[in-house]
Amino acid sequence: MEFLVEFEIKIPEGTTESEVKDREDAEADAVAKLAEEGHLVRVWKLPVGSGETQVLGLYRADSETELDGLLRALPLYEWMRISVTPLVPHPNDPARSPVTDGDRA
């Protein structure tokens, strides 16, 4: 199954710069592992105001339960507001349409 996951990251006031850096470094490692395992397909940073971070990711997991476990394991999880949208293939998705010699089959 594929899921569109939107993250809004809010660093709590009073958090030290060293803790932020440690968590961000650990997050980068965790995200690389998710990509290597095929769970994280794509990721985008959304344009927002300064001091805010919003990320949009395309994830693959066998179920919402598995995805939930993957997201809860992220080092920045405690600082995130997460919205998950399960995706279902659309019959008109160009990626699913076979193309033969420039003509649709």
PDB file of N, CA and C in Angstrom:
ATOM      1  N   MET A   1       0.845  -1.182   0.000  1.00  0.00           N
ATOM      2  CA  MET A   1       0.000   0.000   0.000  1.00  0.00           C
ATOM      3  C   MET A   1       0.892   1.246   0.000  1.00  0.00           C
ATOM      4  N   GLU A   2       0.373   2.300  -0.608  1.00  0.00           N
ATOM      5  CA  GLU A   2       1.099   3.568  -0.588  1.00  0.00           C
ATOM      6  C   GLU A   2       0.309   4.574   0.249  1.00  0.00           C
ATOM      7  N   PHE A   3       1.060   5.482   0.871  1.00  0.00           N
ATOM      8  CA  PHE A   3       0.483   6.477   1.759  1.00  0.00           C
ATOM      9  C   PHE A   3       1.145   7.820   1.512  1.00  0.00           C
ATOM     10  N   LEU A   4       0.327   8.866   1.497  1.00  0.00           N
ATOM     11  CA  LEU A   4       0.831  10.226   1.468  1.00  0.00           C
ATOM     12  C   LEU A   4       0.880  10.692   2.917  1.00  0.00           C
ATOM     13  N   VAL A   5       2.058  11.079   3.372  1.00  0.00           N
ATOM     14  CA  VAL A   5       2.240  11.454   4.771  1.00  0.00           C
ATOM     15  C   VAL A   5       2.732  12.889   4.837  1.00  0.00           C
ATOM     16  N   GLU A   6       1.982  13.722   5.568  1.00  0.00           N
ATOM     17  CA  GLU A   6       2.383  15.115   5.766  1.00  0.00           C
ATOM     18  C   GLU A   6       2.828  15.301   7.208  1.00  0.00           C
ATOM     19  N   PHE A   7       4.008  15.891   7.345  1.00  0.00           N
ATOM     20  CA  PHE A   7       4.590  16.140   8.663  1.00  0.00           C
ATOM     21  C   PHE A   7       4.708  17.638   8.888  1.00  0.00           C
ATOM     22  N   GLU A   8       4.282  18.092  10.037  1.00  0.00           N
ATOM     23  CA  GLU A   8       4.569  19.456  10.476  1.00  0.00           C
ATOM     24  C   GLU A   8       5.446  19.300  11.711  1.00  0.00           C
ATOM     25  N   ILE A   9       6.631  19.872  11.666  1.00  0.00           N
ATOM     26  CA  ILE A   9       7.589  19.714  12.761  1.00  0.00           C
ATOM     27  C   ILE A   9       7.637  20.995  13.575  1.00  0.00           C
ATOM     28  N   LYS A  10       7.386  20.868  14.863  1.00  0.00           N
ATOM     29  CA  LYS A  10       7.437  21.994  15.801  1.00  0.00           C
ATOM     30  C   LYS A  10       8.422  21.640  16.904  1.00  0.00           C
ATOM     31  N   ILE A  11       9.536  22.346  16.934  1.00  0.00           N
ATOM     32  CA  ILE A  11      10.532  22.114  17.974  1.00  0.00           C
ATOM     33  C   ILE A  11      10.071  22.841  19.236  1.00  0.00           C
ATOM     34  N   PRO A  12       9.987  22.106  20.345  1.00  0.00           N
ATOM     35  CA  PRO A  12       9.510  22.736  21.585  1.00  0.00           C
ATOM     36  C   PRO A  12      10.437  23.864  22.053  1.00  0.00           C
ATOM     37  N   GLU A  13       9.828  24.920  22.575  1.00  0.00           N
ATOM     38  CA  GLU A  13      10.616  26.018  23.128  1.00  0.00           C
ATOM     39  C   GLU A  13      11.521  25.490  24.230  1.00  0.00           C
ATOM     40  N   GLY A  14      12.722  26.032  24.298  1.00  0.00           N
ATOM     41  CA  GLY A  14      13.653  25.639  25.335  1.00  0.00           C
ATOM     42  C   GLY A  14      14.519  24.445  24.965  1.00  0.00           C
ATOM     43  N   THR A  15      14.292  23.858  23.783  1.00  0.00           N
ATOM     44  CA  THR A  15      15.104  22.728  23.341  1.00  0.00           C
ATOM     45  C   THR A  15      16.478  23.253  22.947  1.00  0.00           C
ATOM     46  N   THR A  16      17.510  22.610  23.432  1.00  0.00           N
ATOM     47  CA  THR A  16      18.865  23.063  23.136  1.00  0.00           C
ATOM     48  C   THR A  16      19.223  22.789  21.672  1.00  0.00           C
ATOM     49  N   GLU A  17      20.135  23.617  21.156  1.00  0.00           N
ATOM     50  CA  GLU A  17      20.584  23.424  19.775  1.00  0.00           C
ATOM     51  C   GLU A  17      21.246  22.071  19.593  1.00  0.00           C
ATOM     52  N   SER A  18      21.943  21.599  20.622  1.00  0.00           N
ATOM     53  CA  SER A  18      22.626  20.309  20.509  1.00  0.00           C
ATOM     54  C   SER A  18      21.611  19.166  20.412  1.00  0.00           C
ATOM     55  N   GLU A  19      20.493  19.259  21.147  1.00  0.00           N
ATOM     56  CA  GLU A  19      19.466  18.219  21.055  1.00  0.00           C
ATOM     57  C   GLU A  19      18.808  18.240  19.679  1.00  0.00           C
ATOM     58  N   VAL A  20      18.544  19.437  19.168  1.00  0.00           N
ATOM     59  CA  VAL A  20      17.953  19.552  17.836  1.00  0.00           C
ATOM     60  C   VAL A  20      18.882  18.926  16.802  1.00  0.00           C
ATOM     61  N   LYS A  21      20.174  19.265  16.864  1.00  0.00           N
ATOM     62  CA  LYS A  21      21.137  18.708  15.904  1.00  0.00           C
ATOM     63  C   LYS A  21      21.230  17.195  16.036  1.00  0.00           C
ATOM     64  N   ASP A  22      21.289  16.685  17.263  1.00  0.00           N
ATOM     65  CA  ASP A  22      21.365  15.232  17.465  1.00  0.00           C
ATOM     66  C   ASP A  22      20.157  14.532  16.870  1.00  0.00           C
ATOM     67  N   ARG A  23      18.964  15.077  17.114  1.00  0.00           N
ATOM     68  CA  ARG A  23      17.744  14.453  16.585  1.00  0.00           C
ATOM     69  C   ARG A  23      17.667  14.560  15.065  1.00  0.00           C
ATOM     70  N   GLU A  24      18.068  15.706  14.529  1.00  0.00           N
ATOM     71  CA  GLU A  24      18.042  15.874  13.075  1.00  0.00           C
ATOM     72  C   GLU A  24      19.015  14.914  12.400  1.00  0.00           C
ATOM     73  N   ASP A  25      20.198  14.723  12.991  1.00  0.00           N
ATOM     74  CA  ASP A  25      21.166  13.768  12.445  1.00  0.00           C
ATOM     75  C   ASP A  25      20.609  12.345  12.499  1.00  0.00           C
ATOM     76  N   ALA A  26      20.002  11.999  13.634  1.00  0.00           N
ATOM     77  CA  ALA A  26      19.402  10.660  13.782  1.00  0.00           C
ATOM     78  C   ALA A  26      18.234  10.488  12.814  1.00  0.00           C
ATOM     79  N   GLU A  27      17.475  11.545  12.593  1.00  0.00           N
ATOM     80  CA  GLU A  27      16.351  11.506  11.647  1.00  0.00           C
ATOM     81  C   GLU A  27      16.853  11.231  10.231  1.00  0.00           C
ATOM     82  N   ALA A  28      17.939  11.896   9.845  1.00  0.00           N
ATOM     83  CA  ALA A  28      18.507  11.688   8.513  1.00  0.00           C
ATOM     84  C   ALA A  28      18.925  10.229   8.333  1.00  0.00           C
ATOM     85  N   ASP A  29      19.530   9.649   9.358  1.00  0.00           N
ATOM     86  CA  ASP A  29      19.920   8.239   9.288  1.00  0.00           C
ATOM     87  C   ASP A  29      18.704   7.330   9.184  1.00  0.00           C
ATOM     88  N   ALA A  30      17.667   7.617   9.978  1.00  0.00           N
ATOM     89  CA  ALA A  30      16.446   6.799   9.967  1.00  0.00           C
ATOM     90  C   ALA A  30      15.740   6.889   8.621  1.00  0.00           C
ATOM     91  N   VAL A  31      15.698   8.072   8.041  1.00  0.00           N
ATOM     92  CA  VAL A  31      15.044   8.268   6.747  1.00  0.00           C
ATOM     93  C   VAL A  31      15.819   7.524   5.650  1.00  0.00           C
ATOM     94  N   ALA A  32      17.143   7.569   5.714  1.00  0.00           N
ATOM     95  CA  ALA A  32      17.958   6.840   4.730  1.00  0.00           C
ATOM     96  C   ALA A  32      17.679   5.341   4.811  1.00  0.00           C
ATOM     97  N   LYS A  33      17.519   4.827   6.030  1.00  0.00           N
ATOM     98  CA  LYS A  33      17.233   3.403   6.203  1.00  0.00           C
ATOM     99  C   LYS A  33      15.844   3.058   5.643  1.00  0.00           C
ATOM    100  N   LEU A  34      14.850   3.928   5.897  1.00  0.00           N
ATOM    101  CA  LEU A  34      13.502   3.695   5.363  1.00  0.00           C
ATOM    102  C   LEU A  34      13.519   3.680   3.832  1.00  0.00           C
ATOM    103  N   ALA A  35      14.309   4.564   3.236  1.00  0.00           N
ATOM    104  CA  ALA A  35      14.421   4.598   1.774  1.00  0.00           C
ATOM    105  C   ALA A  35      15.095   3.323   1.272  1.00  0.00           C
ATOM    106  N   GLU A  36      16.157   2.907   1.948  1.00  0.00           N
ATOM    107  CA  GLU A  36      16.879   1.694   1.558  1.00  0.00           C
ATOM    108  C   GLU A  36      15.970   0.469   1.628  1.00  0.00           C
ATOM    109  N   GLU A  37      15.080   0.437   2.617  1.00  0.00           N
ATOM    110  CA  GLU A  37      14.163  -0.692   2.799  1.00  0.00           C
ATOM    111  C   GLU A  37      12.947  -0.616   1.870  1.00  0.00           C
ATOM    112  N   GLY A  38      12.814   0.493   1.121  1.00  0.00           N
ATOM    113  CA  GLY A  38      11.703   0.644   0.192  1.00  0.00           C
ATOM    114  C   GLY A  38      10.439   1.229   0.806  1.00  0.00           C
ATOM    115  N   HIS A  39      10.514   1.681   2.055  1.00  0.00           N
ATOM    116  CA  HIS A  39       9.330   2.266   2.703  1.00  0.00           C
ATOM    117  C   HIS A  39       9.133   3.735   2.322  1.00  0.00           C
ATOM    118  N   LEU A  40      10.218   4.470   2.179  1.00  0.00           N
ATOM    119  CA  LEU A  40      10.123   5.873   1.788  1.00  0.00           C
ATOM    120  C   LEU A  40      10.485   5.970   0.316  1.00  0.00           C
ATOM    121  N   VAL A  41       9.503   6.396  -0.484  1.00  0.00           N
ATOM    122  CA  VAL A  41       9.671   6.442  -1.935  1.00  0.00           C
ATOM    123  C   VAL A  41      10.137   7.820  -2.389  1.00  0.00           C
ATOM    124  N   ARG A  42       9.491   8.858  -1.896  1.00  0.00           N
ATOM    125  CA  ARG A  42       9.809  10.250  -2.248  1.00  0.00           C
ATOM    126  C   ARG A  42       9.548  11.123  -1.040  1.00  0.00           C
ATOM    127  N   VAL A  43      10.216  12.282  -1.026  1.00  0.00           N
ATOM    128  CA  VAL A  43       9.986  13.245   0.053  1.00  0.00           C
ATOM    129  C   VAL A  43      10.176  14.654  -0.513  1.00  0.00           C
ATOM    130  N   TRP A  44       9.314  15.566  -0.076  1.00  0.00           N
ATOM    131  CA  TRP A  44       9.359  16.959  -0.506  1.00  0.00           C
ATOM    132  C   TRP A  44       9.271  17.865   0.709  1.00  0.00           C
ATOM    133  N   LYS A  45       9.908  19.011   0.629  1.00  0.00           N
ATOM    134  CA  LYS A  45       9.777  20.044   1.654  1.00  0.00           C
ATOM    135  C   LYS A  45       8.791  21.069   1.105  1.00  0.00           C
ATOM    136  N   LEU A  46       7.762  21.387   1.883  1.00  0.00           N
ATOM    137  CA  LEU A  46       6.744  22.341   1.445  1.00  0.00           C
ATOM    138  C   LEU A  46       7.160  23.762   1.817  1.00  0.00           C
ATOM    139  N   PRO A  47       6.878  24.731   0.945  1.00  0.00           N
ATOM    140  CA  PRO A  47       7.212  26.121   1.259  1.00  0.00           C
ATOM    141  C   PRO A  47       6.270  26.661   2.338  1.00  0.00           C
ATOM    142  N   VAL A  48       6.849  27.048   3.462  1.00  0.00           N
ATOM    143  CA  VAL A  48       6.083  27.626   4.574  1.00  0.00           C
ATOM    144  C   VAL A  48       6.870  28.790   5.155  1.00  0.00           C
ATOM    145  N   GLY A  49       6.296  29.454   6.144  1.00  0.00           N
ATOM    146  CA  GLY A  49       6.949  30.582   6.780  1.00  0.00           C
ATOM    147  C   GLY A  49       8.219  30.177   7.518  1.00  0.00           C
ATOM    148  N   SER A  50       9.015  31.177   7.842  1.00  0.00           N
ATOM    149  CA  SER A  50      10.271  30.899   8.548  1.00  0.00           C
ATOM    150  C   SER A  50       9.978  30.319   9.928  1.00  0.00           C
ATOM    151  N   GLY A  51      10.847  29.452  10.376  1.00  0.00           N
ATOM    152  CA  GLY A  51      10.676  28.819  11.673  1.00  0.00           C
ATOM    153  C   GLY A  51       9.739  27.632  11.659  1.00  0.00           C
ATOM    154  N   GLU A  52       9.171  27.321  10.507  1.00  0.00           N
ATOM    155  CA  GLU A  52       8.271  26.180  10.377  1.00  0.00           C
ATOM    156  C   GLU A  52       8.855  25.194   9.370  1.00  0.00           C
ATOM    157  N   THR A  53       8.573  23.943   9.576  1.00  0.00           N
ATOM    158  CA  THR A  53       9.008  22.923   8.636  1.00  0.00           C
ATOM    159  C   THR A  53       7.835  22.005   8.346  1.00  0.00           C
ATOM    160  N   GLN A  54       7.514  21.864   7.070  1.00  0.00           N
ATOM    161  CA  GLN A  54       6.494  20.913   6.642  1.00  0.00           C
ATOM    162  C   GLN A  54       7.082  20.044   5.557  1.00  0.00           C
ATOM    163  N   VAL A  55       6.826  18.748   5.677  1.00  0.00           N
ATOM    164  CA  VAL A  55       7.376  17.766   4.764  1.00  0.00           C
ATOM    165  C   VAL A  55       6.239  16.884   4.267  1.00  0.00           C
ATOM    166  N   LEU A  56       6.325  16.501   3.006  1.00  0.00           N
ATOM    167  CA  LEU A  56       5.355  15.605   2.394  1.00  0.00           C
ATOM    168  C   LEU A  56       6.135  14.392   1.889  1.00  0.00           C
ATOM    169  N   GLY A  57       5.688  13.197   2.276  1.00  0.00           N
ATOM    170  CA  GLY A  57       6.395  11.990   1.875  1.00  0.00           C
ATOM    171  C   GLY A  57       5.456  10.951   1.290  1.00  0.00           C
ATOM    172  N   LEU A  58       5.988  10.186   0.339  1.00  0.00           N
ATOM    173  CA  LEU A  58       5.269   9.054  -0.228  1.00  0.00           C
ATOM    174  C   LEU A  58       5.900   7.804   0.364  1.00  0.00           C
ATOM    175  N   TYR A  59       5.111   7.054   1.131  1.00  0.00           N
ATOM    176  CA  TYR A  59       5.587   5.871   1.841  1.00  0.00           C
ATOM    177  C   TYR A  59       4.898   4.620   1.315  1.00  0.00           C
ATOM    178  N   ARG A  60       5.591   3.489   1.483  1.00  0.00           N
ATOM    179  CA  ARG A  60       5.014   2.180   1.194  1.00  0.00           C
ATOM    180  C   ARG A  60       5.113   1.324   2.443  1.00  0.00           C
ATOM    181  N   ALA A  61       4.016   0.645   2.757  1.00  0.00           N
ATOM    182  CA  ALA A  61       3.968  -0.272   3.897  1.00  0.00           C
ATOM    183  C   ALA A  61       2.880  -1.297   3.615  1.00  0.00           C
ATOM    184  N   ASP A  62       2.950  -2.418   4.302  1.00  0.00           N
ATOM    185  CA  ASP A  62       1.950  -3.466   4.110  1.00  0.00           C
ATOM    186  C   ASP A  62       0.588  -3.077   4.686  1.00  0.00           C
ATOM    187  N   SER A  63       0.598  -2.153   5.670  1.00  0.00           N
ATOM    188  CA  SER A  63      -0.656  -1.749   6.317  1.00  0.00           C
ATOM    189  C   SER A  63      -0.449  -0.413   7.020  1.00  0.00           C
ATOM    190  N   GLU A  64      -1.551   0.203   7.424  1.00  0.00           N
ATOM    191  CA  GLU A  64      -1.450   1.431   8.207  1.00  0.00           C
ATOM    192  C   GLU A  64      -0.778   1.168   9.546  1.00  0.00           C
ATOM    193  N   THR A  65      -0.978  -0.021  10.094  1.00  0.00           N
ATOM    194  CA  THR A  65      -0.337  -0.389  11.359  1.00  0.00           C
ATOM    195  C   THR A  65       1.179  -0.422  11.193  1.00  0.00           C
ATOM    196  N   GLU A  66       1.652  -1.016  10.100  1.00  0.00           N
ATOM    197  CA  GLU A  66       3.094  -1.043   9.871  1.00  0.00           C
ATOM    198  C   GLU A  66       3.628   0.377   9.681  1.00  0.00           C
ATOM    199  N   LEU A  67       2.919   1.191   8.899  1.00  0.00           N
ATOM    200  CA  LEU A  67       3.340   2.571   8.681  1.00  0.00           C
ATOM    201  C   LEU A  67       3.406   3.322  10.004  1.00  0.00           C
ATOM    202  N   ASP A  68       2.406   3.145  10.841  1.00  0.00           N
ATOM    203  CA  ASP A  68       2.383   3.811  12.143  1.00  0.00           C
ATOM    204  C   ASP A  68       3.636   3.456  12.952  1.00  0.00           C
ATOM    205  N   GLY A  69       4.016   2.197  12.948  1.00  0.00           N
ATOM    206  CA  GLY A  69       5.218   1.774  13.659  1.00  0.00           C
ATOM    207  C   GLY A  69       6.474   2.411  13.086  1.00  0.00           C
ATOM    208  N   LEU A  70       6.546   2.513  11.765  1.00  0.00           N
ATOM    209  CA  LEU A  70       7.697   3.145  11.123  1.00  0.00           C
ATOM    210  C   LEU A  70       7.799   4.619  11.506  1.00  0.00           C
ATOM    211  N   LEU A  71       6.661   5.309  11.511  1.00  0.00           N
ATOM    212  CA  LEU A  71       6.660   6.735  11.832  1.00  0.00           C
ATOM    213  C   LEU A  71       6.959   6.983  13.305  1.00  0.00           C
ATOM    214  N   ARG A  72       6.413   6.160  14.188  1.00  0.00           N
ATOM    215  CA  ARG A  72       6.654   6.316  15.625  1.00  0.00           C
ATOM    216  C   ARG A  72       8.121   6.111  15.991  1.00  0.00           C
ATOM    217  N   ALA A  73       8.864   5.381  15.160  1.00  0.00           N
ATOM    218  CA  ALA A  73      10.276   5.118  15.423  1.00  0.00           C
ATOM    219  C   ALA A  73      11.182   6.286  14.998  1.00  0.00           C
ATOM    220  N   LEU A  74      10.626   7.266  14.300  1.00  0.00           N
ATOM    221  CA  LEU A  74      11.441   8.390  13.856  1.00  0.00           C
ATOM    222  C   LEU A  74      11.884   9.252  15.047  1.00  0.00           C
ATOM    223  N   PRO A  75      13.145   9.684  15.059  1.00  0.00           N
ATOM    224  CA  PRO A  75      13.667  10.482  16.173  1.00  0.00           C
ATOM    225  C   PRO A  75      12.931  11.809  16.405  1.00  0.00           C
ATOM    226  N   LEU A  76      12.330  12.372  15.371  1.00  0.00           N
ATOM    227  CA  LEU A  76      11.597  13.639  15.532  1.00  0.00           C
ATOM    228  C   LEU A  76      10.105  13.430  15.790  1.00  0.00           C
ATOM    229  N   TYR A  77       9.691  12.185  15.929  1.00  0.00           N
ATOM    230  CA  TYR A  77       8.262  11.861  16.051  1.00  0.00           C
ATOM    231  C   TYR A  77       7.559  12.700  17.119  1.00  0.00           C
ATOM    232  N   GLU A  78       8.185  12.864  18.266  1.00  0.00           N
ATOM    233  CA  GLU A  78       7.544  13.613  19.364  1.00  0.00           C
ATOM    234  C   GLU A  78       7.290  15.068  19.000  1.00  0.00           C
ATOM    235  N   TRP A  79       7.977  15.570  18.019  1.00  0.00           N
ATOM    236  CA  TRP A  79       7.840  16.968  17.615  1.00  0.00           C
ATOM    237  C   TRP A  79       6.975  17.129  16.367  1.00  0.00           C
ATOM    238  N   MET A  80       6.353  16.053  15.919  1.00  0.00           N
ATOM    239  CA  MET A  80       5.602  16.081  14.665  1.00  0.00           C
ATOM    240  C   MET A  80       4.095  16.034  14.869  1.00  0.00           C
ATOM    241  N   ARG A  81       3.420  16.745  13.974  1.00  0.00           N
ATOM    242  CA  ARG A  81       1.984  16.538  13.770  1.00  0.00           C
ATOM    243  C   ARG A  81       1.927  15.840  12.422  1.00  0.00           C
ATOM    244  N   ILE A  82       1.306  14.671  12.381  1.00  0.00           N
ATOM    245  CA  ILE A  82       1.338  13.831  11.187  1.00  0.00           C
ATOM    246  C   ILE A  82      -0.072  13.598  10.657  1.00  0.00           C
ATOM    247  N   SER A  83      -0.204  13.702   9.348  1.00  0.00           N
ATOM    248  CA  SER A  83      -1.453  13.397   8.667  1.00  0.00           C
ATOM    249  C   SER A  83      -1.156  12.328   7.624  1.00  0.00           C
ATOM    250  N   VAL A  84      -1.905  11.219   7.674  1.00  0.00           N
ATOM    251  CA  VAL A  84      -1.685  10.099   6.758  1.00  0.00           C
ATOM    252  C   VAL A  84      -2.911   9.923   5.872  1.00  0.00           C
ATOM    253  N   THR A  85      -2.681   9.819   4.560  1.00  0.00           N
ATOM    254  CA  THR A  85      -3.739   9.558   3.604  1.00  0.00           C
ATOM    255  C   THR A  85      -3.394   8.281   2.840  1.00  0.00           C
ATOM    256  N   PRO A  86      -4.182   7.212   3.032  1.00  0.00           N
ATOM    257  CA  PRO A  86      -3.956   5.995   2.246  1.00  0.00           C
ATOM    258  C   PRO A  86      -4.287   6.281   0.774  1.00  0.00           C
ATOM    259  N   LEU A  87      -3.475   5.756  -0.123  1.00  0.00           N
ATOM    260  CA  LEU A  87      -3.675   5.981  -1.550  1.00  0.00           C
ATOM    261  C   LEU A  87      -4.117   4.688  -2.227  1.00  0.00           C
ATOM    262  N   VAL A  88      -5.065   4.828  -3.135  1.00  0.00           N
ATOM    263  CA  VAL A  88      -5.587   3.700  -3.897  1.00  0.00           C
ATOM    264  C   VAL A  88      -5.307   3.994  -5.371  1.00  0.00           C
ATOM    265  N   PRO A  89      -4.820   3.011  -6.136  1.00  0.00           N
ATOM    266  CA  PRO A  89      -4.533   3.258  -7.550  1.00  0.00           C
ATOM    267  C   PRO A  89      -5.765   3.765  -8.305  1.00  0.00           C
ATOM    268  N   HIS A  90      -5.533   4.697  -9.209  1.00  0.00           N
ATOM    269  CA  HIS A  90      -6.588   5.241 -10.053  1.00  0.00           C
ATOM    270  C   HIS A  90      -6.497   4.558 -11.419  1.00  0.00           C
ATOM    271  N   PRO A  91      -7.628   4.200 -12.019  1.00  0.00           N
ATOM    272  CA  PRO A  91      -7.585   3.495 -13.310  1.00  0.00           C
ATOM    273  C   PRO A  91      -6.960   4.329 -14.427  1.00  0.00           C
ATOM    274  N   ASN A  92      -6.939   5.652 -14.305  1.00  0.00           N
ATOM    275  CA  ASN A  92      -6.371   6.513 -15.346  1.00  0.00           C
ATOM    276  C   ASN A  92      -4.958   6.978 -15.025  1.00  0.00           C
ATOM    277  N   ASP A  93      -4.316   6.381 -14.045  1.00  0.00           N
ATOM    278  CA  ASP A  93      -2.948   6.754 -13.678  1.00  0.00           C
ATOM    279  C   ASP A  93      -2.024   6.454 -14.859  1.00  0.00           C
ATOM    280  N   PRO A  94      -1.335   7.466 -15.400  1.00  0.00           N
ATOM    281  CA  PRO A  94      -0.453   7.233 -16.547  1.00  0.00           C
ATOM    282  C   PRO A  94       0.651   6.224 -16.249  1.00  0.00           C
ATOM    283  N   ALA A  95       1.077   6.116 -15.013  1.00  0.00           N
ATOM    284  CA  ALA A  95       2.125   5.160 -14.665  1.00  0.00           C
ATOM    285  C   ALA A  95       1.640   3.721 -14.790  1.00  0.00           C
ATOM    286  N   ARG A  96       0.350   3.508 -14.755  1.00  0.00           N
ATOM    287  CA  ARG A  96      -0.223   2.160 -14.838  1.00  0.00           C
ATOM    288  C   ARG A  96      -0.648   1.786 -16.252  1.00  0.00           C
ATOM    289  N   SER A  97      -0.635   2.765 -17.170  1.00  0.00           N
ATOM    290  CA  SER A  97      -1.104   2.513 -18.534  1.00  0.00           C
ATOM    291  C   SER A  97       0.048   2.018 -19.401  1.00  0.00           C
ATOM    292  N   PRO A  98      -0.114   0.856 -20.020  1.00  0.00           N
ATOM    293  CA  PRO A  98       0.947   0.364 -20.914  1.00  0.00           C
ATOM    294  C   PRO A  98       0.995   1.204 -22.190  1.00  0.00           C
ATOM    295  N   VAL A  99       2.206   1.454 -22.653  1.00  0.00           N
ATOM    296  CA  VAL A  99       2.398   2.207 -23.893  1.00  0.00           C
ATOM    297  C   VAL A  99       3.207   1.333 -24.837  1.00  0.00           C
ATOM    298  N   THR A 100       2.706   1.160 -26.056  1.00  0.00           N
ATOM    299  CA  THR A 100       3.396   0.342 -27.052  1.00  0.00           C
ATOM    300  C   THR A 100       3.600   1.160 -28.306  1.00  0.00           C
ATOM    301  N   ASP A 101       4.851   1.332 -28.738  1.00  0.00           N
ATOM    302  CA  ASP A 101       5.192   2.082 -29.954  1.00  0.00           C
ATOM    303  C   ASP A 101       4.519   3.447 -29.989  1.00  0.00           C
ATOM    304  N   GLY A 102       4.444   4.122 -28.853  1.00  0.00           N
ATOM    305  CA  GLY A 102       3.853   5.442 -28.810  1.00  0.00           C
ATOM    306  C   GLY A 102       2.344   5.469 -28.749  1.00  0.00           C
ATOM    307  N   ASP A 103       1.712   4.317 -28.929  1.00  0.00           N
ATOM    308  CA  ASP A 103       0.252   4.235 -28.865  1.00  0.00           C
ATOM    309  C   ASP A 103      -0.156   3.510 -27.604  1.00  0.00           C
ATOM    310  N   ARG A 104      -1.246   3.923 -27.028  1.00  0.00           N
ATOM    311  CA  ARG A 104      -1.762   3.220 -25.843  1.00  0.00           C
ATOM    312  C   ARG A 104      -2.338   1.884 -26.285  1.00  0.00           C
ATOM    313  N   ALA A 105      -2.063   0.866 -25.495  1.00  0.00           N
ATOM    314  CA  ALA A 105      -2.587  -0.459 -25.831  1.00  0.00           C
ATOM    315  C   ALA A 105      -4.029  -0.572 -25.436  1.00  0.00           C
TER     316      ALA A 105
END
